[in-house]
Amino acid sequence: LKINPSYAPVIALELQDIASIDSNYNYEILTENNE
């Protein structure tokens, strides 16, 4: 998961290390069952 903080370049975060994601923006999500 790539995120760009305002104070640093883009950071790549490993998915299995992430506990939660919070955003007010709109996304396209693809799941492992092709949904």
PDB file of all heavy atoms in Angstrom:
ATOM      1  N   LEU A   1       0.863  -1.177   0.000  1.00  0.00           N
ATOM      2  CA  LEU A   1       0.000   0.000   0.000  1.00  0.00           C
ATOM      3  C   LEU A   1       0.901   1.230   0.000  1.00  0.00           C
ATOM      4  O   LEU A   1       1.716   1.410   0.901  1.00  0.00           O
ATOM      5  CB  LEU A   1      -0.905   0.023   1.230  1.00  0.00           C
ATOM      6  CG  LEU A   1      -1.847   1.221   1.321  1.00  0.00           C
ATOM      7  CD1 LEU A   1      -2.984   1.075   0.318  1.00  0.00           C
ATOM      8  CD2 LEU A   1      -2.391   1.382   2.734  1.00  0.00           C
ATOM      9  N   LYS A   2       0.757   2.084  -1.016  1.00  0.00           N
ATOM     10  CA  LYS A   2       1.590   3.270  -1.117  1.00  0.00           C
ATOM     11  C   LYS A   2       0.821   4.491  -0.641  1.00  0.00           C
ATOM     12  O   LYS A   2      -0.308   4.721  -1.065  1.00  0.00           O
ATOM     13  CB  LYS A   2       2.070   3.468  -2.556  1.00  0.00           C
ATOM     14  CG  LYS A   2       3.051   2.397  -3.013  1.00  0.00           C
ATOM     15  CD  LYS A   2       3.691   2.724  -4.350  1.00  0.00           C
ATOM     16  CE  LYS A   2       4.748   1.702  -4.702  1.00  0.00           C
ATOM     17  NZ  LYS A   2       5.428   2.012  -5.986  1.00  0.00           N
ATOM     18  N   ILE A   3       1.453   5.249   0.244  1.00  0.00           N
ATOM     19  CA  ILE A   3       0.863   6.464   0.780  1.00  0.00           C
ATOM     20  C   ILE A   3       1.902   7.576   0.727  1.00  0.00           C
ATOM     21  O   ILE A   3       3.094   7.346   0.959  1.00  0.00           O
ATOM     22  CB  ILE A   3       0.356   6.238   2.227  1.00  0.00           C
ATOM     23  CG1 ILE A   3      -0.325   7.495   2.754  1.00  0.00           C
ATOM     24  CG2 ILE A   3       1.469   5.771   3.152  1.00  0.00           C
ATOM     25  CD1 ILE A   3      -1.031   7.298   4.093  1.00  0.00           C
ATOM     26  N   ASN A   4       1.453   8.777   0.414  1.00  0.00           N
ATOM     27  CA  ASN A   4       2.351   9.917   0.274  1.00  0.00           C
ATOM     28  C   ASN A   4       2.078  10.931   1.389  1.00  0.00           C
ATOM     29  O   ASN A   4       1.144  11.731   1.291  1.00  0.00           O
ATOM     30  CB  ASN A   4       2.141  10.559  -1.089  1.00  0.00           C
ATOM     31  CG  ASN A   4       3.135  11.677  -1.393  1.00  0.00           C
ATOM     32  OD1 ASN A   4       2.953  12.419  -2.326  1.00  0.00           O
ATOM     33  ND2 ASN A   4       4.205  11.790  -0.616  1.00  0.00           N
ATOM     34  N   PRO A   5       2.877  10.911   2.464  1.00  0.00           N
ATOM     35  CA  PRO A   5       2.714  11.926   3.509  1.00  0.00           C
ATOM     36  C   PRO A   5       3.125  13.297   2.975  1.00  0.00           C
ATOM     37  O   PRO A   5       3.921  13.406   2.041  1.00  0.00           O
ATOM     38  CB  PRO A   5       3.663  11.455   4.616  1.00  0.00           C
ATOM     39  CG  PRO A   5       3.984  10.027   4.279  1.00  0.00           C
ATOM     40  CD  PRO A   5       3.909   9.928   2.801  1.00  0.00           C
ATOM     41  N   SER A   6       2.584  14.347   3.565  1.00  0.00           N
ATOM     42  CA  SER A   6       2.933  15.700   3.126  1.00  0.00           C
ATOM     43  C   SER A   6       4.362  16.061   3.500  1.00  0.00           C
ATOM     44  O   SER A   6       4.932  16.987   2.930  1.00  0.00           O
ATOM     45  CB  SER A   6       1.971  16.711   3.749  1.00  0.00           C
ATOM     46  OG  SER A   6       2.012  16.626   5.173  1.00  0.00           O
ATOM     47  N   TYR A   7       4.961  15.312   4.414  1.00  0.00           N
ATOM     48  CA  TYR A   7       6.290  15.637   4.930  1.00  0.00           C
ATOM     49  C   TYR A   7       7.372  14.691   4.413  1.00  0.00           C
ATOM     50  O   TYR A   7       8.530  14.786   4.826  1.00  0.00           O
ATOM     51  CB  TYR A   7       6.282  15.574   6.463  1.00  0.00           C
ATOM     52  CG  TYR A   7       5.701  14.293   7.020  1.00  0.00           C
ATOM     53  CD1 TYR A   7       6.482  13.156   7.161  1.00  0.00           C
ATOM     54  CD2 TYR A   7       4.361  14.232   7.370  1.00  0.00           C
ATOM     55  CE1 TYR A   7       5.938  11.976   7.650  1.00  0.00           C
ATOM     56  CE2 TYR A   7       3.806  13.057   7.866  1.00  0.00           C
ATOM     57  CZ  TYR A   7       4.604  11.931   8.004  1.00  0.00           C
ATOM     58  OH  TYR A   7       4.053  10.770   8.482  1.00  0.00           O
ATOM     59  N   ALA A   8       7.027  13.753   3.509  1.00  0.00           N
ATOM     60  CA  ALA A   8       8.003  12.754   3.073  1.00  0.00           C
ATOM     61  C   ALA A   8       7.608  12.210   1.708  1.00  0.00           C
ATOM     62  O   ALA A   8       6.470  12.404   1.256  1.00  0.00           O
ATOM     63  CB  ALA A   8       8.088  11.609   4.095  1.00  0.00           C
ATOM     64  N   PRO A   9       8.548  11.544   1.021  1.00  0.00           N
ATOM     65  CA  PRO A   9       8.201  10.899  -0.247  1.00  0.00           C
ATOM     66  C   PRO A   9       7.228   9.741  -0.033  1.00  0.00           C
ATOM     67  O   PRO A   9       6.872   9.403   1.106  1.00  0.00           O
ATOM     68  CB  PRO A   9       9.563  10.393  -0.766  1.00  0.00           C
ATOM     69  CG  PRO A   9      10.593  11.142   0.004  1.00  0.00           C
ATOM     70  CD  PRO A   9       9.983  11.431   1.338  1.00  0.00           C
ATOM     71  N   VAL A  10       6.798   9.117  -1.123  1.00  0.00           N
ATOM     72  CA  VAL A  10       5.855   7.998  -1.053  1.00  0.00           C
ATOM     73  C   VAL A  10       6.459   6.848  -0.244  1.00  0.00           C
ATOM     74  O   VAL A  10       7.624   6.486  -0.401  1.00  0.00           O
ATOM     75  CB  VAL A  10       5.488   7.519  -2.467  1.00  0.00           C
ATOM     76  CG1 VAL A  10       4.602   6.279  -2.403  1.00  0.00           C
ATOM     77  CG2 VAL A  10       4.781   8.627  -3.237  1.00  0.00           C
ATOM     78  N   ILE A  11       5.631   6.279   0.650  1.00  0.00           N
ATOM     79  CA  ILE A  11       6.053   5.155   1.502  1.00  0.00           C
ATOM     80  C   ILE A  11       5.263   3.919   1.093  1.00  0.00           C
ATOM     81  O   ILE A  11       4.055   3.984   0.882  1.00  0.00           O
ATOM     82  CB  ILE A  11       5.800   5.468   2.992  1.00  0.00           C
ATOM     83  CG1 ILE A  11       6.573   6.717   3.424  1.00  0.00           C
ATOM     84  CG2 ILE A  11       6.194   4.285   3.866  1.00  0.00           C
ATOM     85  CD1 ILE A  11       6.231   7.180   4.828  1.00  0.00           C
ATOM     86  N   ALA A  12       5.952   2.787   0.964  1.00  0.00           N
ATOM     87  CA  ALA A  12       5.298   1.512   0.660  1.00  0.00           C
ATOM     88  C   ALA A  12       5.151   0.720   1.955  1.00  0.00           C
ATOM     89  O   ALA A  12       6.135   0.451   2.660  1.00  0.00           O
ATOM     90  CB  ALA A  12       6.110   0.713  -0.359  1.00  0.00           C
ATOM     91  N   LEU A  13       3.914   0.345   2.289  1.00  0.00           N
ATOM     92  CA  LEU A  13       3.617  -0.385   3.515  1.00  0.00           C
ATOM     93  C   LEU A  13       3.178  -1.804   3.181  1.00  0.00           C
ATOM     94  O   LEU A  13       2.333  -2.001   2.292  1.00  0.00           O
ATOM     95  CB  LEU A  13       2.513   0.327   4.304  1.00  0.00           C
ATOM     96  CG  LEU A  13       2.757   1.805   4.641  1.00  0.00           C
ATOM     97  CD1 LEU A  13       1.516   2.408   5.282  1.00  0.00           C
ATOM     98  CD2 LEU A  13       3.969   1.946   5.557  1.00  0.00           C
ATOM     99  N   GLU A  14       3.746  -2.781   3.874  1.00  0.00           N
ATOM    100  CA  GLU A  14       3.375  -4.173   3.647  1.00  0.00           C
ATOM    101  C   GLU A  14       1.952  -4.405   4.148  1.00  0.00           C
ATOM    102  O   GLU A  14       1.583  -3.985   5.249  1.00  0.00           O
ATOM    103  CB  GLU A  14       4.348  -5.112   4.359  1.00  0.00           C
ATOM    104  CG  GLU A  14       5.793  -4.983   3.888  1.00  0.00           C
ATOM    105  CD  GLU A  14       5.981  -5.470   2.475  1.00  0.00           C
ATOM    106  OE1 GLU A  14       5.120  -6.246   1.986  1.00  0.00           O
ATOM    107  OE2 GLU A  14       6.973  -5.086   1.840  1.00  0.00           O
ATOM    108  N   LEU A  15       1.156  -5.098   3.338  1.00  0.00           N
ATOM    109  CA  LEU A  15      -0.262  -5.273   3.635  1.00  0.00           C
ATOM    110  C   LEU A  15      -0.481  -5.990   4.964  1.00  0.00           C
ATOM    111  O   LEU A  15      -1.386  -5.639   5.730  1.00  0.00           O
ATOM    112  CB  LEU A  15      -0.942  -6.039   2.496  1.00  0.00           C
ATOM    113  CG  LEU A  15      -2.463  -6.175   2.576  1.00  0.00           C
ATOM    114  CD1 LEU A  15      -3.122  -4.809   2.573  1.00  0.00           C
ATOM    115  CD2 LEU A  15      -2.986  -7.014   1.416  1.00  0.00           C
ATOM    116  N   GLN A  16       0.327  -7.012   5.243  1.00  0.00           N
ATOM    117  CA  GLN A  16       0.095  -7.796   6.458  1.00  0.00           C
ATOM    118  C   GLN A  16       0.461  -7.040   7.725  1.00  0.00           C
ATOM    119  O   GLN A  16       0.125  -7.471   8.827  1.00  0.00           O
ATOM    120  CB  GLN A  16       0.882  -9.119   6.404  1.00  0.00           C
ATOM    121  CG  GLN A  16       2.361  -9.015   6.727  1.00  0.00           C
ATOM    122  CD  GLN A  16       3.178  -8.511   5.565  1.00  0.00           C
ATOM    123  OE1 GLN A  16       2.616  -8.286   4.502  1.00  0.00           O
ATOM    124  NE2 GLN A  16       4.467  -8.365   5.747  1.00  0.00           N
ATOM    125  N   ASP A  17       1.123  -5.863   7.590  1.00  0.00           N
ATOM    126  CA  ASP A  17       1.486  -5.050   8.754  1.00  0.00           C
ATOM    127  C   ASP A  17       0.447  -3.979   9.069  1.00  0.00           C
ATOM    128  O   ASP A  17       0.571  -3.273  10.063  1.00  0.00           O
ATOM    129  CB  ASP A  17       2.848  -4.372   8.527  1.00  0.00           C
ATOM    130  CG  ASP A  17       3.984  -5.385   8.415  1.00  0.00           C
ATOM    131  OD1 ASP A  17       3.846  -6.479   9.006  1.00  0.00           O
ATOM    132  OD2 ASP A  17       4.974  -5.075   7.740  1.00  0.00           O
ATOM    133  N   ILE A  18      -0.577  -3.857   8.216  1.00  0.00           N
ATOM    134  CA  ILE A  18      -1.559  -2.780   8.361  1.00  0.00           C
ATOM    135  C   ILE A  18      -2.742  -3.254   9.201  1.00  0.00           C
ATOM    136  O   ILE A  18      -3.331  -4.309   8.930  1.00  0.00           O
ATOM    137  CB  ILE A  18      -2.051  -2.305   6.977  1.00  0.00           C
ATOM    138  CG1 ILE A  18      -0.872  -1.742   6.179  1.00  0.00           C
ATOM    139  CG2 ILE A  18      -3.144  -1.257   7.123  1.00  0.00           C
ATOM    140  CD1 ILE A  18      -1.229  -1.380   4.758  1.00  0.00           C
ATOM    141  N   ALA A  19      -3.110  -2.460  10.203  1.00  0.00           N
ATOM    142  CA  ALA A  19      -4.249  -2.790  11.061  1.00  0.00           C
ATOM    143  C   ALA A  19      -5.540  -2.154  10.555  1.00  0.00           C
ATOM    144  O   ALA A  19      -6.608  -2.772  10.625  1.00  0.00           O
ATOM    145  CB  ALA A  19      -3.979  -2.343  12.498  1.00  0.00           C
ATOM    146  N   SER A  20      -5.469  -0.928  10.030  1.00  0.00           N
ATOM    147  CA  SER A  20      -6.688  -0.260   9.559  1.00  0.00           C
ATOM    148  C   SER A  20      -6.342   0.828   8.558  1.00  0.00           C
ATOM    149  O   SER A  20      -5.220   1.352   8.534  1.00  0.00           O
ATOM    150  CB  SER A  20      -7.478   0.333  10.722  1.00  0.00           C
ATOM    151  OG  SER A  20      -6.745   1.385  11.342  1.00  0.00           O
ATOM    152  N   ILE A  21      -7.336   1.175   7.732  1.00  0.00           N
ATOM    153  CA  ILE A  21      -7.223   2.244   6.736  1.00  0.00           C
ATOM    154  C   ILE A  21      -8.456   3.128   6.862  1.00  0.00           C
ATOM    155  O   ILE A  21      -9.581   2.635   6.932  1.00  0.00           O
ATOM    156  CB  ILE A  21      -7.127   1.685   5.300  1.00  0.00           C
ATOM    157  CG1 ILE A  21      -5.935   0.734   5.163  1.00  0.00           C
ATOM    158  CG2 ILE A  21      -7.016   2.816   4.288  1.00  0.00           C
ATOM    159  CD1 ILE A  21      -5.876   0.038   3.811  1.00  0.00           C
ATOM    160  N   ASP A  22      -8.242   4.441   6.873  1.00  0.00           N
ATOM    161  CA  ASP A  22      -9.354   5.380   7.002  1.00  0.00           C
ATOM    162  C   ASP A  22      -9.196   6.478   5.958  1.00  0.00           C
ATOM    163  O   ASP A  22      -8.158   7.141   5.894  1.00  0.00           O
ATOM    164  CB  ASP A  22      -9.369   5.988   8.406  1.00  0.00           C
ATOM    165  CG  ASP A  22     -10.753   6.507   8.792  1.00  0.00           C
ATOM    166  OD1 ASP A  22     -11.612   6.583   7.894  1.00  0.00           O
ATOM    167  OD2 ASP A  22     -10.964   6.822   9.974  1.00  0.00           O
ATOM    168  N   SER A  23     -10.236   6.663   5.113  1.00  0.00           N
ATOM    169  CA  SER A  23     -10.173   7.668   4.066  1.00  0.00           C
ATOM    170  C   SER A  23     -11.581   8.122   3.702  1.00  0.00           C
ATOM    171  O   SER A  23     -12.531   7.347   3.790  1.00  0.00           O
ATOM    172  CB  SER A  23      -9.467   7.112   2.822  1.00  0.00           C
ATOM    173  OG  SER A  23      -9.495   8.041   1.760  1.00  0.00           O
ATOM    174  N   ASN A  24     -11.712   9.372   3.285  1.00  0.00           N
ATOM    175  CA  ASN A  24     -12.991   9.907   2.823  1.00  0.00           C
ATOM    176  C   ASN A  24     -13.078   9.918   1.303  1.00  0.00           C
ATOM    177  O   ASN A  24     -14.042  10.429   0.743  1.00  0.00           O
ATOM    178  CB  ASN A  24     -13.190  11.336   3.344  1.00  0.00           C
ATOM    179  CG  ASN A  24     -13.383  11.368   4.848  1.00  0.00           C
ATOM    180  OD1 ASN A  24     -14.024  10.489   5.417  1.00  0.00           O
ATOM    181  ND2 ASN A  24     -12.806  12.379   5.486  1.00  0.00           N
ATOM    182  N   TYR A  25     -12.063   9.363   0.644  1.00  0.00           N
ATOM    183  CA  TYR A  25     -12.013   9.385  -0.804  1.00  0.00           C
ATOM    184  C   TYR A  25     -12.689   8.138  -1.367  1.00  0.00           C
ATOM    185  O   TYR A  25     -13.058   7.222  -0.630  1.00  0.00           O
ATOM    186  CB  TYR A  25     -10.548   9.454  -1.260  1.00  0.00           C
ATOM    187  CG  TYR A  25     -10.378   9.973  -2.656  1.00  0.00           C
ATOM    188  CD1 TYR A  25     -10.755  11.264  -3.001  1.00  0.00           C
ATOM    189  CD2 TYR A  25      -9.835   9.167  -3.650  1.00  0.00           C
ATOM    190  CE1 TYR A  25     -10.596  11.737  -4.285  1.00  0.00           C
ATOM    191  CE2 TYR A  25      -9.668   9.634  -4.937  1.00  0.00           C
ATOM    192  CZ  TYR A  25     -10.050  10.916  -5.247  1.00  0.00           C
ATOM    193  OH  TYR A  25      -9.891  11.378  -6.526  1.00  0.00           O
ATOM    194  N   ASN A  26     -12.865   8.102  -2.704  1.00  0.00           N
ATOM    195  CA  ASN A  26     -13.503   6.971  -3.372  1.00  0.00           C
ATOM    196  C   ASN A  26     -12.458   6.106  -4.075  1.00  0.00           C
ATOM    197  O   ASN A  26     -11.502   6.628  -4.665  1.00  0.00           O
ATOM    198  CB  ASN A  26     -14.532   7.467  -4.393  1.00  0.00           C
ATOM    199  CG  ASN A  26     -15.695   8.162  -3.730  1.00  0.00           C
ATOM    200  OD1 ASN A  26     -16.587   7.533  -3.199  1.00  0.00           O
ATOM    201  ND2 ASN A  26     -15.682   9.500  -3.754  1.00  0.00           N
ATOM    202  N   TYR A  27     -12.670   4.794  -3.996  1.00  0.00           N
ATOM    203  CA  TYR A  27     -11.707   3.843  -4.523  1.00  0.00           C
ATOM    204  C   TYR A  27     -12.402   2.739  -5.300  1.00  0.00           C
ATOM    205  O   TYR A  27     -13.575   2.440  -5.099  1.00  0.00           O
ATOM    206  CB  TYR A  27     -10.897   3.202  -3.383  1.00  0.00           C
ATOM    207  CG  TYR A  27     -10.080   4.179  -2.586  1.00  0.00           C
ATOM    208  CD1 TYR A  27     -10.633   4.855  -1.496  1.00  0.00           C
ATOM    209  CD2 TYR A  27      -8.760   4.441  -2.911  1.00  0.00           C
ATOM    210  CE1 TYR A  27      -9.888   5.757  -0.756  1.00  0.00           C
ATOM    211  CE2 TYR A  27      -8.007   5.337  -2.182  1.00  0.00           C
ATOM    212  CZ  TYR A  27      -8.571   5.991  -1.103  1.00  0.00           C
ATOM    213  OH  TYR A  27      -7.832   6.888  -0.376  1.00  0.00           O
ATOM    214  N   GLU A  28     -11.617   2.125  -6.185  1.00  0.00           N
ATOM    215  CA  GLU A  28     -12.003   0.859  -6.793  1.00  0.00           C
ATOM    216  C   GLU A  28     -11.241  -0.240  -6.059  1.00  0.00           C
ATOM    217  O   GLU A  28     -10.015  -0.169  -5.924  1.00  0.00           O
ATOM    218  CB  GLU A  28     -11.655   0.822  -8.277  1.00  0.00           C
ATOM    219  CG  GLU A  28     -11.929  -0.538  -8.914  1.00  0.00           C
ATOM    220  CD  GLU A  28     -11.327  -0.671 -10.299  1.00  0.00           C
ATOM    221  OE1 GLU A  28     -10.462   0.160 -10.661  1.00  0.00           O
ATOM    222  OE2 GLU A  28     -11.688  -1.609 -11.010  1.00  0.00           O
ATOM    223  N   ILE A  29     -11.958  -1.235  -5.581  1.00  0.00           N
ATOM    224  CA  ILE A  29     -11.353  -2.328  -4.810  1.00  0.00           C
ATOM    225  C   ILE A  29     -11.575  -3.632  -5.552  1.00  0.00           C
ATOM    226  O   ILE A  29     -12.689  -3.929  -5.986  1.00  0.00           O
ATOM    227  CB  ILE A  29     -11.957  -2.416  -3.398  1.00  0.00           C
ATOM    228  CG1 ILE A  29     -11.694  -1.133  -2.623  1.00  0.00           C
ATOM    229  CG2 ILE A  29     -11.399  -3.614  -2.642  1.00  0.00           C
ATOM    230  CD1 ILE A  29     -12.365  -1.098  -1.262  1.00  0.00           C
ATOM    231  N   LEU A  30     -10.517  -4.416  -5.691  1.00  0.00           N
ATOM    232  CA  LEU A  30     -10.602  -5.739  -6.294  1.00  0.00           C
ATOM    233  C   LEU A  30     -10.259  -6.775  -5.228  1.00  0.00           C
ATOM    234  O   LEU A  30      -9.204  -6.707  -4.603  1.00  0.00           O
ATOM    235  CB  LEU A  30      -9.638  -5.861  -7.474  1.00  0.00           C
ATOM    236  CG  LEU A  30      -9.608  -7.212  -8.191  1.00  0.00           C
ATOM    237  CD1 LEU A  30     -10.964  -7.521  -8.824  1.00  0.00           C
ATOM    238  CD2 LEU A  30      -8.513  -7.232  -9.251  1.00  0.00           C
ATOM    239  N   THR A  31     -11.175  -7.726  -5.006  1.00  0.00           N
ATOM    240  CA  THR A  31     -10.960  -8.766  -4.004  1.00  0.00           C
ATOM    241  C   THR A  31     -10.482 -10.051  -4.665  1.00  0.00           C
ATOM    242  O   THR A  31     -10.527 -10.202  -5.882  1.00  0.00           O
ATOM    243  CB  THR A  31     -12.252  -9.032  -3.214  1.00  0.00           C
ATOM    244  OG1 THR A  31     -13.234  -9.586  -4.092  1.00  0.00           O
ATOM    245  CG2 THR A  31     -12.788  -7.739  -2.623  1.00  0.00           C
ATOM    246  N   GLU A  32     -10.034 -11.001  -3.830  1.00  0.00           N
ATOM    247  CA  GLU A  32      -9.466 -12.233  -4.366  1.00  0.00           C
ATOM    248  C   GLU A  32     -10.509 -13.130  -5.027  1.00  0.00           C
ATOM    249  O   GLU A  32     -10.148 -14.059  -5.751  1.00  0.00           O
ATOM    250  CB  GLU A  32      -8.744 -13.000  -3.269  1.00  0.00           C
ATOM    251  CG  GLU A  32      -9.622 -13.455  -2.133  1.00  0.00           C
ATOM    252  CD  GLU A  32      -8.831 -14.207  -1.080  1.00  0.00           C
ATOM    253  OE1 GLU A  32      -7.591 -14.231  -1.163  1.00  0.00           O
ATOM    254  OE2 GLU A  32      -9.447 -14.773  -0.187  1.00  0.00           O
ATOM    255  N   ASN A  33     -11.794 -12.897  -4.818  1.00  0.00           N
ATOM    256  CA  ASN A  33     -12.833 -13.636  -5.532  1.00  0.00           C
ATOM    257  C   ASN A  33     -13.330 -12.857  -6.749  1.00  0.00           C
ATOM    258  O   ASN A  33     -14.443 -13.086  -7.238  1.00  0.00           O
ATOM    259  CB  ASN A  33     -13.994 -13.984  -4.606  1.00  0.00           C
ATOM    260  CG  ASN A  33     -14.651 -12.752  -4.010  1.00  0.00           C
ATOM    261  OD1 ASN A  33     -14.206 -11.629  -4.247  1.00  0.00           O
ATOM    262  ND2 ASN A  33     -15.708 -12.955  -3.249  1.00  0.00           N
ATOM    263  N   ASN A  34     -12.463 -11.912  -7.250  1.00  0.00           N
ATOM    264  CA  ASN A  34     -12.720 -11.150  -8.481  1.00  0.00           C
ATOM    265  C   ASN A  34     -13.953 -10.256  -8.396  1.00  0.00           C
ATOM    266  O   ASN A  34     -14.618 -10.001  -9.393  1.00  0.00           O
ATOM    267  CB  ASN A  34     -12.841 -12.092  -9.685  1.00  0.00           C
ATOM    268  CG  ASN A  34     -11.548 -12.799  -9.992  1.00  0.00           C
ATOM    269  OD1 ASN A  34     -10.538 -12.169 -10.252  1.00  0.00           O
ATOM    270  ND2 ASN A  34     -11.576 -14.122  -9.942  1.00  0.00           N
ATOM    271  N   GLU A  35     -14.244  -9.745  -7.217  1.00  0.00           N
ATOM    272  CA  GLU A  35     -15.334  -8.799  -7.036  1.00  0.00           C
ATOM    273  C   GLU A  35     -14.775  -7.379  -7.104  1.00  0.00           C
ATOM    274  O   GLU A  35     -13.805  -7.050  -6.415  1.00  0.00           O
ATOM    275  CB  GLU A  35     -16.033  -9.023  -5.700  1.00  0.00           C
ATOM    276  CG  GLU A  35     -17.243  -8.137  -5.478  1.00  0.00           C
ATOM    277  CD  GLU A  35     -17.902  -8.391  -4.137  1.00  0.00           C
ATOM    278  OE1 GLU A  35     -17.257  -9.031  -3.264  1.00  0.00           O
ATOM    279  OE2 GLU A  35     -19.053  -7.952  -3.953  1.00  0.00           O
TER     280      GLU A  35
END
